[in-house]
PDB file of N, CA and C in Angstrom:
ATOM      1  N   MET A   1      43.191 -76.114  21.228  1.00  0.00           N
ATOM      2  CA  MET A   1      42.208 -76.377  20.224  1.00  0.00           C
ATOM      3  C   MET A   1      41.076 -77.228  20.803  1.00  0.00           C
ATOM      4  N   ALA A   2      41.432 -78.259  21.505  1.00  0.00           N
ATOM      5  CA  ALA A   2      40.415 -79.148  22.072  1.00  0.00           C
ATOM      6  C   ALA A   2      39.532 -78.412  23.074  1.00  0.00           C
ATOM      7  N   ASP A   3      40.120 -77.526  23.853  1.00  0.00           N
ATOM      8  CA  ASP A   3      39.331 -76.777  24.838  1.00  0.00           C
ATOM      9  C   ASP A   3      38.336 -75.844  24.159  1.00  0.00           C
ATOM     10  N   PHE A   4      38.747 -75.192  23.080  1.00  0.00           N
ATOM     11  CA  PHE A   4      37.822 -74.320  22.354  1.00  0.00           C
ATOM     12  C   PHE A   4      36.698 -75.130  21.720  1.00  0.00           C
ATOM     13  N   THR A   5      37.037 -76.274  21.171  1.00  0.00           N
ATOM     14  CA  THR A   5      36.030 -77.143  20.564  1.00  0.00           C
ATOM     15  C   THR A   5      35.039 -77.622  21.619  1.00  0.00           C
ATOM     16  N   GLU A   6      35.530 -77.971  22.780  1.00  0.00           N
ATOM     17  CA  GLU A   6      34.651 -78.402  23.870  1.00  0.00           C
ATOM     18  C   GLU A   6      33.761 -77.248  24.335  1.00  0.00           C
ATOM     19  N   ALA A   7      34.319 -76.053  24.424  1.00  0.00           N
ATOM     20  CA  ALA A   7      33.516 -74.883  24.819  1.00  0.00           C
ATOM     21  C   ALA A   7      32.394 -74.647  23.812  1.00  0.00           C
ATOM     22  N   ILE A   8      32.684 -74.796  22.534  1.00  0.00           N
ATOM     23  CA  ILE A   8      31.675 -74.625  21.487  1.00  0.00           C
ATOM     24  C   ILE A   8      30.628 -75.728  21.580  1.00  0.00           C
ATOM     25  N   ARG A   9      31.057 -76.939  21.874  1.00  0.00           N
ATOM     26  CA  ARG A   9      30.103 -78.046  22.020  1.00  0.00           C
ATOM     27  C   ARG A   9      29.134 -77.763  23.164  1.00  0.00           C
ATOM     28  N   LEU A  10      29.669 -77.239  24.259  1.00  0.00           N
ATOM     29  CA  LEU A  10      28.837 -76.959  25.431  1.00  0.00           C
ATOM     30  C   LEU A  10      27.961 -75.720  25.251  1.00  0.00           C
ATOM     31  N   LYS A  11      28.465 -74.753  24.490  1.00  0.00           N
ATOM     32  CA  LYS A  11      27.726 -73.507  24.284  1.00  0.00           C
ATOM     33  C   LYS A  11      27.915 -73.077  22.821  1.00  0.00           C
ATOM     34  N   PRO A  12      27.075 -73.582  21.926  1.00  0.00           N
ATOM     35  CA  PRO A  12      27.251 -73.350  20.493  1.00  0.00           C
ATOM     36  C   PRO A  12      27.193 -71.885  20.057  1.00  0.00           C
ATOM     37  N   ASP A  13      26.720 -71.006  20.914  1.00  0.00           N
ATOM     38  CA  ASP A  13      26.658 -69.583  20.552  1.00  0.00           C
ATOM     39  C   ASP A  13      27.788 -68.767  21.197  1.00  0.00           C
ATOM     40  N   PHE A  14      28.852 -69.414  21.604  1.00  0.00           N
ATOM     41  CA  PHE A  14      29.981 -68.777  22.286  1.00  0.00           C
ATOM     42  C   PHE A  14      30.945 -68.197  21.240  1.00  0.00           C
ATOM     43  N   ALA A  15      30.685 -66.977  20.836  1.00  0.00           N
ATOM     44  CA  ALA A  15      31.438 -66.334  19.758  1.00  0.00           C
ATOM     45  C   ALA A  15      32.936 -66.251  20.056  1.00  0.00           C
ATOM     46  N   LEU A  16      33.291 -65.945  21.283  1.00  0.00           N
ATOM     47  CA  LEU A  16      34.707 -65.808  21.620  1.00  0.00           C
ATOM     48  C   LEU A  16      35.451 -67.141  21.462  1.00  0.00           C
ATOM     49  N   ALA A  17      34.797 -68.240  21.736  1.00  0.00           N
ATOM     50  CA  ALA A  17      35.436 -69.551  21.538  1.00  0.00           C
ATOM     51  C   ALA A  17      35.689 -69.807  20.057  1.00  0.00           C
ATOM     52  N   TYR A  18      34.731 -69.416  19.207  1.00  0.00           N
ATOM     53  CA  TYR A  18      34.955 -69.542  17.763  1.00  0.00           C
ATOM     54  C   TYR A  18      36.119 -68.663  17.322  1.00  0.00           C
ATOM     55  N   ASN A  19      36.157 -67.442  17.840  1.00  0.00           N
ATOM     56  CA  ASN A  19      37.243 -66.530  17.504  1.00  0.00           C
ATOM     57  C   ASN A  19      38.594 -67.135  17.901  1.00  0.00           C
ATOM     58  N   ASN A  20      38.684 -67.627  19.113  1.00  0.00           N
ATOM     59  CA  ASN A  20      39.952 -68.159  19.602  1.00  0.00           C
ATOM     60  C   ASN A  20      40.341 -69.443  18.887  1.00  0.00           C
ATOM     61  N   ARG A  21      39.359 -70.286  18.569  1.00  0.00           N
ATOM     62  CA  ARG A  21      39.682 -71.502  17.817  1.00  0.00           C
ATOM     63  C   ARG A  21      40.133 -71.128  16.402  1.00  0.00           C
ATOM     64  N   GLY A  22      39.527 -70.073  15.848  1.00  0.00           N
ATOM     65  CA  GLY A  22      39.963 -69.593  14.544  1.00  0.00           C
ATOM     66  C   GLY A  22      41.421 -69.174  14.565  1.00  0.00           C
ATOM     67  N   LEU A  23      41.820 -68.472  15.612  1.00  0.00           N
ATOM     68  CA  LEU A  23      43.230 -68.079  15.752  1.00  0.00           C
ATOM     69  C   LEU A  23      44.131 -69.304  15.874  1.00  0.00           C
ATOM     70  N   ALA A  24      43.696 -70.267  16.661  1.00  0.00           N
ATOM     71  CA  ALA A  24      44.482 -71.495  16.820  1.00  0.00           C
ATOM     72  C   ALA A  24      44.638 -72.202  15.476  1.00  0.00           C
ATOM     73  N   ARG A  25      43.568 -72.211  14.702  1.00  0.00           N
ATOM     74  CA  ARG A  25      43.638 -72.844  13.379  1.00  0.00           C
ATOM     75  C   ARG A  25      44.568 -72.073  12.445  1.00  0.00           C
ATOM     76  N   LEU A  26      44.586 -70.758  12.563  1.00  0.00           N
ATOM     77  CA  LEU A  26      45.532 -69.980  11.761  1.00  0.00           C
ATOM     78  C   LEU A  26      46.964 -70.404  12.069  1.00  0.00           C
ATOM     79  N   HIS A  27      47.267 -70.571  13.334  1.00  0.00           N
ATOM     80  CA  HIS A  27      48.618 -70.976  13.749  1.00  0.00           C
ATOM     81  C   HIS A  27      48.959 -72.379  13.269  1.00  0.00           C
ATOM     82  N   GLN A  28      47.919 -73.200  13.078  1.00  0.00           N
ATOM     83  CA  GLN A  28      48.135 -74.568  12.591  1.00  0.00           C
ATOM     84  C   GLN A  28      48.098 -74.647  11.065  1.00  0.00           C
ATOM     85  N   LYS A  29      47.980 -73.486  10.420  1.00  0.00           N
ATOM     86  CA  LYS A  29      47.931 -73.410   8.953  1.00  0.00           C
ATOM     87  C   LYS A  29      46.655 -74.033   8.373  1.00  0.00           C
ATOM     88  N   ASP A  30      45.583 -74.086   9.158  1.00  0.00           N
ATOM     89  CA  ASP A  30      44.276 -74.559   8.694  1.00  0.00           C
ATOM     90  C   ASP A  30      43.466 -73.334   8.277  1.00  0.00           C
ATOM     91  N   ASP A  31      43.789 -72.806   7.099  1.00  0.00           N
ATOM     92  CA  ASP A  31      43.185 -71.556   6.651  1.00  0.00           C
ATOM     93  C   ASP A  31      41.671 -71.653   6.505  1.00  0.00           C
ATOM     94  N   GLN A  32      41.186 -72.740   5.926  1.00  0.00           N
ATOM     95  CA  GLN A  32      39.749 -72.889   5.719  1.00  0.00           C
ATOM     96  C   GLN A  32      39.018 -72.999   7.053  1.00  0.00           C
ATOM     97  N   GLY A  33      39.529 -73.787   7.970  1.00  0.00           N
ATOM     98  CA  GLY A  33      38.907 -73.915   9.287  1.00  0.00           C
ATOM     99  C   GLY A  33      38.905 -72.595  10.039  1.00  0.00           C
ATOM    100  N   ALA A  34      39.998 -71.859   9.933  1.00  0.00           N
ATOM    101  CA  ALA A  34      40.087 -70.550  10.588  1.00  0.00           C
ATOM    102  C   ALA A  34      39.050 -69.603  10.014  1.00  0.00           C
ATOM    103  N   LYS A  35      38.948 -69.577   8.701  1.00  0.00           N
ATOM    104  CA  LYS A  35      37.989 -68.702   8.034  1.00  0.00           C
ATOM    105  C   LYS A  35      36.563 -69.009   8.502  1.00  0.00           C
ATOM    106  N   GLU A  36      36.212 -70.278   8.556  1.00  0.00           N
ATOM    107  CA  GLU A  36      34.867 -70.682   8.980  1.00  0.00           C
ATOM    108  C   GLU A  36      34.599 -70.274  10.427  1.00  0.00           C
ATOM    109  N   ASP A  37      35.551 -70.515  11.305  1.00  0.00           N
ATOM    110  CA  ASP A  37      35.362 -70.161  12.717  1.00  0.00           C
ATOM    111  C   ASP A  37      35.240 -68.658  12.912  1.00  0.00           C
ATOM    112  N   LEU A  38      36.067 -67.899  12.231  1.00  0.00           N
ATOM    113  CA  LEU A  38      36.029 -66.451  12.399  1.00  0.00           C
ATOM    114  C   LEU A  38      34.740 -65.862  11.836  1.00  0.00           C
ATOM    115  N   LYS A  39      34.267 -66.382  10.726  1.00  0.00           N
ATOM    116  CA  LYS A  39      32.989 -65.924  10.176  1.00  0.00           C
ATOM    117  C   LYS A  39      31.843 -66.273  11.126  1.00  0.00           C
ATOM    118  N   GLN A  40      31.917 -67.435  11.740  1.00  0.00           N
ATOM    119  CA  GLN A  40      30.875 -67.827  12.700  1.00  0.00           C
ATOM    120  C   GLN A  40      30.904 -66.915  13.924  1.00  0.00           C
ATOM    121  N   ALA A  41      32.069 -66.562  14.390  1.00  0.00           N
ATOM    122  CA  ALA A  41      32.184 -65.636  15.522  1.00  0.00           C
ATOM    123  C   ALA A  41      31.520 -64.307  15.188  1.00  0.00           C
ATOM    124  N   ILE A  42      31.735 -63.826  13.974  1.00  0.00           N
ATOM    125  CA  ILE A  42      31.135 -62.563  13.543  1.00  0.00           C
ATOM    126  C   ILE A  42      29.622 -62.690  13.438  1.00  0.00           C
ATOM    127  N   ARG A  43      29.147 -63.805  12.901  1.00  0.00           N
ATOM    128  CA  ARG A  43      27.692 -64.024  12.800  1.00  0.00           C
ATOM    129  C   ARG A  43      27.040 -64.037  14.174  1.00  0.00           C
ATOM    130  N   LEU A  44      27.707 -64.704  15.108  1.00  0.00           N
ATOM    131  CA  LEU A  44      27.130 -64.836  16.443  1.00  0.00           C
ATOM    132  C   LEU A  44      27.171 -63.536  17.238  1.00  0.00           C
ATOM    133  N   LYS A  45      28.235 -62.765  17.047  1.00  0.00           N
ATOM    134  CA  LYS A  45      28.380 -61.528  17.816  1.00  0.00           C
ATOM    135  C   LYS A  45      29.004 -60.449  16.926  1.00  0.00           C
ATOM    136  N   PRO A  46      28.155 -59.756  16.164  1.00  0.00           N
ATOM    137  CA  PRO A  46      28.664 -58.745  15.238  1.00  0.00           C
ATOM    138  C   PRO A  46      29.453 -57.619  15.910  1.00  0.00           C
ATOM    139  N   SER A  47      29.313 -57.457  17.196  1.00  0.00           N
ATOM    140  CA  SER A  47      30.055 -56.404  17.907  1.00  0.00           C
ATOM    141  C   SER A  47      31.444 -56.861  18.362  1.00  0.00           C
ATOM    142  N   LEU A  48      31.823 -58.081  18.082  1.00  0.00           N
ATOM    143  CA  LEU A  48      33.119 -58.618  18.511  1.00  0.00           C
ATOM    144  C   LEU A  48      34.209 -58.148  17.546  1.00  0.00           C
ATOM    145  N   ALA A  49      34.757 -56.985  17.845  1.00  0.00           N
ATOM    146  CA  ALA A  49      35.726 -56.332  16.952  1.00  0.00           C
ATOM    147  C   ALA A  49      36.934 -57.214  16.663  1.00  0.00           C
ATOM    148  N   GLN A  50      37.410 -57.947  17.644  1.00  0.00           N
ATOM    149  CA  GLN A  50      38.609 -58.764  17.421  1.00  0.00           C
ATOM    150  C   GLN A  50      38.371 -59.854  16.385  1.00  0.00           C
ATOM    151  N   ALA A  51      37.136 -60.313  16.252  1.00  0.00           N
ATOM    152  CA  ALA A  51      36.842 -61.322  15.230  1.00  0.00           C
ATOM    153  C   ALA A  51      37.011 -60.725  13.835  1.00  0.00           C
ATOM    154  N   TYR A  52      36.589 -59.476  13.649  1.00  0.00           N
ATOM    155  CA  TYR A  52      36.790 -58.801  12.366  1.00  0.00           C
ATOM    156  C   TYR A  52      38.287 -58.623  12.096  1.00  0.00           C
ATOM    157  N   ASN A  53      39.012 -58.218  13.102  1.00  0.00           N
ATOM    158  CA  ASN A  53      40.452 -58.035  12.966  1.00  0.00           C
ATOM    159  C   ASN A  53      41.136 -59.351  12.594  1.00  0.00           C
ATOM    160  N   ASN A  54      40.763 -60.409  13.278  1.00  0.00           N
ATOM    161  CA  ASN A  54      41.383 -61.706  13.018  1.00  0.00           C
ATOM    162  C   ASN A  54      41.001 -62.243  11.645  1.00  0.00           C
ATOM    163  N   GLU A  55      39.766 -62.000  11.226  1.00  0.00           N
ATOM    164  CA  GLU A  55      39.333 -62.443   9.908  1.00  0.00           C
ATOM    165  C   GLU A  55      40.117 -61.705   8.823  1.00  0.00           C
ATOM    166  N   ALA A  56      40.327 -60.414   9.005  1.00  0.00           N
ATOM    167  CA  ALA A  56      41.135 -59.638   8.059  1.00  0.00           C
ATOM    168  C   ALA A  56      42.584 -60.138   8.055  1.00  0.00           C
ATOM    169  N   PHE A  57      43.114 -60.451   9.217  1.00  0.00           N
ATOM    170  CA  PHE A  57      44.478 -60.980   9.318  1.00  0.00           C
ATOM    171  C   PHE A  57      44.583 -62.313   8.581  1.00  0.00           C
ATOM    172  N   SER A  58      43.552 -63.154   8.699  1.00  0.00           N
ATOM    173  CA  SER A  58      43.586 -64.449   8.011  1.00  0.00           C
ATOM    174  C   SER A  58      43.596 -64.255   6.500  1.00  0.00           C
ATOM    175  N   ARG A  59      42.867 -63.245   6.017  1.00  0.00           N
ATOM    176  CA  ARG A  59      42.889 -62.949   4.580  1.00  0.00           C
ATOM    177  C   ARG A  59      44.277 -62.467   4.150  1.00  0.00           C
ATOM    178  N   LEU A  60      44.890 -61.675   4.968  1.00  0.00           N
ATOM    179  CA  LEU A  60      46.233 -61.190   4.670  1.00  0.00           C
ATOM    180  C   LEU A  60      47.219 -62.351   4.553  1.00  0.00           C
ATOM    181  N   LEU A  61      47.107 -63.312   5.439  1.00  0.00           N
ATOM    182  CA  LEU A  61      48.011 -64.470   5.418  1.00  0.00           C
ATOM    183  C   LEU A  61      47.789 -65.343   4.195  1.00  0.00           C
ATOM    184  N   GLN A  62      46.579 -65.359   3.683  1.00  0.00           N
ATOM    185  CA  GLN A  62      46.271 -66.205   2.524  1.00  0.00           C
ATOM    186  C   GLN A  62      46.807 -65.622   1.227  1.00  0.00           C
ATOM    187  N   ASN A  63      47.145 -64.362   1.230  1.00  0.00           N
ATOM    188  CA  ASN A  63      47.657 -63.722   0.001  1.00  0.00           C
ATOM    189  C   ASN A  63      49.151 -63.828  -0.108  1.00  0.00           C
TER     190      ASN A  63
END
């Protein structure tokens, strides 16, 4: 988690770091943080298919 946060601090437009931190937050049961990170990954790089997949997975877990 700390490494992804540091990567984002150094490069705020690093979509893959947001995606990966979102996954880490899902594993930590931080649903809101995961949702925010995954949406940011999609905003930054709309072609990042795994971010869409992970965002859908996070919605599935919330239900």
